[in-house]
Amino acid sequence: MRLPPAGQEVPLTLEVAVTGNQERWVRCFDSHLMRTRQWQSGELLIEAGGPLRLGFELLPEQAGLRYRLRRTWFCLVPLPSFLAPRVEAIETGRDDGWDVTVRFTLPLIGLLIQYQGSIRLPASAALTA
């Protein structure tokens, strides 16, 4: 997935482009790009980056939206749960964007990536319901 190097208070920009039924997410941690694609498949939101695909159930909560990992594929091969990553992710809407917290760990390896902060919309953008 070409993860960014470790750091604190790393600036993040996010670009989302919609093409058909998919979204292309480009996260830029300082100068390090991380690209993924997202789309709906049945009850799951699929996010794909490199050889890894993650299938999330989206759970509305009073504080926001929680992403619960339900399925994982590596090179399109389903991974058993004991080999699958652990992902904790929640987003909370704001008038000008979102607060996000993401933590991604791998069995036997441990923490791979973690980030939290606020994503603010540019002044020219507006949230629509």
C-alpha atoms as a PDB file:
ATOM      1  CA  MET A   1       0.000   0.000   0.000  1.00  0.00           C
ATOM      2  CA  ARG A   2       3.065   2.270  -0.053  1.00  0.00           C
ATOM      3  CA  LEU A   3       2.528   3.683   3.412  1.00  0.00           C
ATOM      4  CA  PRO A   4       3.994   7.029   4.487  1.00  0.00           C
ATOM      5  CA  PRO A   5       6.932   7.229   6.891  1.00  0.00           C
ATOM      6  CA  ALA A   6       6.257   7.807  10.587  1.00  0.00           C
ATOM      7  CA  GLY A   7       5.854  11.376  11.766  1.00  0.00           C
ATOM      8  CA  GLN A   8       3.918  13.698  14.034  1.00  0.00           C
ATOM      9  CA  GLU A   9       1.713  16.590  12.949  1.00  0.00           C
ATOM     10  CA  VAL A  10       2.202  15.621   9.312  1.00  0.00           C
ATOM     11  CA  PRO A  11       0.095  17.777   6.972  1.00  0.00           C
ATOM     12  CA  LEU A  12      -2.519  15.777   5.072  1.00  0.00           C
ATOM     13  CA  THR A  13      -4.461  16.653   1.972  1.00  0.00           C
ATOM     14  CA  LEU A  14      -7.217  14.475   0.566  1.00  0.00           C
ATOM     15  CA  GLU A  15      -8.599  14.469  -2.961  1.00  0.00           C
ATOM     16  CA  VAL A  16     -11.641  12.375  -3.845  1.00  0.00           C
ATOM     17  CA  ALA A  17     -12.682  11.919  -7.465  1.00  0.00           C
ATOM     18  CA  VAL A  18     -15.844  10.053  -8.482  1.00  0.00           C
ATOM     19  CA  THR A  19     -15.770   7.920 -11.619  1.00  0.00           C
ATOM     20  CA  GLY A  20     -18.896   5.852 -12.268  1.00  0.00           C
ATOM     21  CA  ASN A  21     -19.638   3.868  -9.105  1.00  0.00           C
ATOM     22  CA  GLN A  22     -16.131   4.250  -7.638  1.00  0.00           C
ATOM     23  CA  GLU A  23     -14.246   6.929  -5.761  1.00  0.00           C
ATOM     24  CA  ARG A  24     -10.512   7.449  -6.142  1.00  0.00           C
ATOM     25  CA  TRP A  25      -8.975   8.661  -2.867  1.00  0.00           C
ATOM     26  CA  VAL A  26      -5.550  10.286  -2.956  1.00  0.00           C
ATOM     27  CA  ARG A  27      -4.157  11.043   0.487  1.00  0.00           C
ATOM     28  CA  CYS A  28      -0.983  13.108   0.582  1.00  0.00           C
ATOM     29  CA  PHE A  29       0.855  12.870   3.918  1.00  0.00           C
ATOM     30  CA  ASP A  30       3.293  15.784   3.576  1.00  0.00           C
ATOM     31  CA  SER A  31       4.754  14.740   0.198  1.00  0.00           C
ATOM     32  CA  HIS A  32       3.965  10.998   0.360  1.00  0.00           C
ATOM     33  CA  LEU A  33       1.018   9.856  -1.785  1.00  0.00           C
ATOM     34  CA  MET A  34      -1.279   6.996  -0.785  1.00  0.00           C
ATOM     35  CA  ARG A  35      -3.876   6.048  -3.404  1.00  0.00           C
ATOM     36  CA  THR A  36      -6.909   3.828  -2.878  1.00  0.00           C
ATOM     37  CA  ARG A  37     -10.249   3.173  -4.585  1.00  0.00           C
ATOM     38  CA  GLN A  38     -13.606   2.737  -2.845  1.00  0.00           C
ATOM     39  CA  TRP A  39     -16.919   1.325  -4.023  1.00  0.00           C
ATOM     40  CA  GLN A  40     -20.073  -0.269  -2.636  1.00  0.00           C
ATOM     41  CA  SER A  41     -20.465  -4.049  -2.990  1.00  0.00           C
ATOM     42  CA  GLY A  42     -23.671  -5.345  -1.443  1.00  0.00           C
ATOM     43  CA  GLU A  43     -23.637  -4.347   2.235  1.00  0.00           C
ATOM     44  CA  LEU A  44     -19.920  -3.548   2.260  1.00  0.00           C
ATOM     45  CA  LEU A  45     -17.789  -0.553   1.377  1.00  0.00           C
ATOM     46  CA  ILE A  46     -14.695  -1.918  -0.360  1.00  0.00           C
ATOM     47  CA  GLU A  47     -11.398  -0.051  -0.193  1.00  0.00           C
ATOM     48  CA  ALA A  48      -8.562  -1.291  -2.398  1.00  0.00           C
ATOM     49  CA  GLY A  49      -4.931  -0.216  -2.279  1.00  0.00           C
ATOM     50  CA  GLY A  50      -2.181  -2.230  -3.913  1.00  0.00           C
ATOM     51  CA  PRO A  51      -2.831  -5.968  -3.457  1.00  0.00           C
ATOM     52  CA  LEU A  52      -5.079  -5.449  -0.414  1.00  0.00           C
ATOM     53  CA  ARG A  53      -8.870  -5.095  -0.398  1.00  0.00           C
ATOM     54  CA  LEU A  54     -10.826  -4.349   2.752  1.00  0.00           C
ATOM     55  CA  GLY A  55     -14.587  -4.811   3.118  1.00  0.00           C
ATOM     56  CA  PHE A  56     -16.164  -2.517   5.731  1.00  0.00           C
ATOM     57  CA  GLU A  57     -19.594  -2.470   7.306  1.00  0.00           C
ATOM     58  CA  LEU A  58     -20.536   1.160   8.009  1.00  0.00           C
ATOM     59  CA  LEU A  59     -22.158   1.634  11.425  1.00  0.00           C
ATOM     60  CA  PRO A  60     -23.861   4.936  12.209  1.00  0.00           C
ATOM     61  CA  GLU A  61     -23.276   6.004  15.804  1.00  0.00           C
ATOM     62  CA  GLN A  62     -24.330   9.046  17.769  1.00  0.00           C
ATOM     63  CA  ALA A  63     -20.795  10.438  17.512  1.00  0.00           C
ATOM     64  CA  GLY A  64     -20.335   9.647  13.817  1.00  0.00           C
ATOM     65  CA  LEU A  65     -19.688   6.732  11.504  1.00  0.00           C
ATOM     66  CA  ARG A  66     -17.676   3.655  12.495  1.00  0.00           C
ATOM     67  CA  TYR A  67     -16.028   1.406   9.915  1.00  0.00           C
ATOM     68  CA  ARG A  68     -16.089  -2.265  10.989  1.00  0.00           C
ATOM     69  CA  LEU A  69     -13.806  -4.536   8.963  1.00  0.00           C
ATOM     70  CA  ARG A  70     -15.751  -7.623   7.820  1.00  0.00           C
ATOM     71  CA  ARG A  71     -13.668  -9.117   4.980  1.00  0.00           C
ATOM     72  CA  THR A  72     -10.098  -8.900   3.707  1.00  0.00           C
ATOM     73  CA  TRP A  73      -8.551 -10.038   0.442  1.00  0.00           C
ATOM     74  CA  PHE A  74      -4.898 -10.186  -0.571  1.00  0.00           C
ATOM     75  CA  CYS A  75      -4.398 -10.438  -4.352  1.00  0.00           C
ATOM     76  CA  LEU A  76      -8.147 -11.237  -4.523  1.00  0.00           C
ATOM     77  CA  VAL A  77      -7.691 -14.274  -2.211  1.00  0.00           C
ATOM     78  CA  PRO A  78      -9.853 -14.074   0.945  1.00  0.00           C
ATOM     79  CA  LEU A  79      -7.765 -13.964   4.132  1.00  0.00           C
ATOM     80  CA  PRO A  80      -8.810 -15.927   7.217  1.00  0.00           C
ATOM     81  CA  SER A  81      -9.538 -13.675  10.185  1.00  0.00           C
ATOM     82  CA  PHE A  82      -6.374 -14.668  12.069  1.00  0.00           C
ATOM     83  CA  LEU A  83      -4.254 -13.303   9.174  1.00  0.00           C
ATOM     84  CA  ALA A  84      -6.402 -10.260   8.442  1.00  0.00           C
ATOM     85  CA  PRO A  85      -5.430  -6.760   9.531  1.00  0.00           C
ATOM     86  CA  ARG A  86      -7.255  -5.023  12.351  1.00  0.00           C
ATOM     87  CA  VAL A  87      -8.710  -1.660  11.437  1.00  0.00           C
ATOM     88  CA  GLU A  88     -10.300   0.834  13.800  1.00  0.00           C
ATOM     89  CA  ALA A  89     -11.773   3.831  12.001  1.00  0.00           C
ATOM     90  CA  ILE A  90     -14.347   6.450  12.913  1.00  0.00           C
ATOM     91  CA  GLU A  91     -15.325   9.749  11.342  1.00  0.00           C
ATOM     92  CA  THR A  92     -17.363  12.523  12.869  1.00  0.00           C
ATOM     93  CA  GLY A  93     -18.975  15.152  10.672  1.00  0.00           C
ATOM     94  CA  ARG A  94     -18.400  18.865  11.221  1.00  0.00           C
ATOM     95  CA  ASP A  95     -19.850  21.901   9.451  1.00  0.00           C
ATOM     96  CA  ASP A  96     -16.551  22.341   7.609  1.00  0.00           C
ATOM     97  CA  GLY A  97     -15.434  18.714   7.144  1.00  0.00           C
ATOM     98  CA  TRP A  98     -14.711  15.699   9.336  1.00  0.00           C
ATOM     99  CA  ASP A  99     -12.689  14.555  12.318  1.00  0.00           C
ATOM    100  CA  VAL A 100     -11.128  11.154  11.596  1.00  0.00           C
ATOM    101  CA  THR A 101      -9.268   8.507  13.552  1.00  0.00           C
ATOM    102  CA  VAL A 102      -7.720   5.482  11.808  1.00  0.00           C
ATOM    103  CA  ARG A 103      -5.587   2.706  13.271  1.00  0.00           C
ATOM    104  CA  PHE A 104      -4.326  -0.222  11.148  1.00  0.00           C
ATOM    105  CA  THR A 105      -2.461  -3.170  12.672  1.00  0.00           C
ATOM    106  CA  LEU A 106      -1.276  -6.530  11.322  1.00  0.00           C
ATOM    107  CA  PRO A 107      -1.104  -9.835  13.220  1.00  0.00           C
ATOM    108  CA  LEU A 108       2.450 -10.658  14.370  1.00  0.00           C
ATOM    109  CA  ILE A 109       3.717  -7.268  13.091  1.00  0.00           C
ATOM    110  CA  GLY A 110       1.685  -4.768  15.080  1.00  0.00           C
ATOM    111  CA  LEU A 111       0.886  -1.159  14.302  1.00  0.00           C
ATOM    112  CA  LEU A 112       1.328  -0.315  10.617  1.00  0.00           C
ATOM    113  CA  ILE A 113      -0.310   3.106  10.350  1.00  0.00           C
ATOM    114  CA  GLN A 114      -2.281   5.415  12.604  1.00  0.00           C
ATOM    115  CA  TYR A 115      -3.568   8.897  12.016  1.00  0.00           C
ATOM    116  CA  GLN A 116      -6.097  11.266  13.425  1.00  0.00           C
ATOM    117  CA  GLY A 117      -7.096  14.823  12.855  1.00  0.00           C
ATOM    118  CA  SER A 118      -9.508  17.070  11.045  1.00  0.00           C
ATOM    119  CA  ILE A 119     -10.128  17.189   7.339  1.00  0.00           C
ATOM    120  CA  ARG A 120     -11.422  20.602   6.377  1.00  0.00           C
ATOM    121  CA  LEU A 121     -13.251  21.377   3.176  1.00  0.00           C
ATOM    122  CA  PRO A 122     -11.932  24.266   1.114  1.00  0.00           C
ATOM    123  CA  ALA A 123     -14.012  27.426   1.489  1.00  0.00           C
ATOM    124  CA  SER A 124     -15.346  26.969  -2.061  1.00  0.00           C
ATOM    125  CA  ALA A 125     -16.745  23.480  -1.268  1.00  0.00           C
ATOM    126  CA  ALA A 126     -19.952  22.667   0.559  1.00  0.00           C
ATOM    127  CA  LEU A 127     -21.285  19.530   2.214  1.00  0.00           C
ATOM    128  CA  THR A 128     -24.512  18.209   0.719  1.00  0.00           C
ATOM    129  CA  ALA A 129     -26.853  15.698   2.261  1.00  0.00           C
END
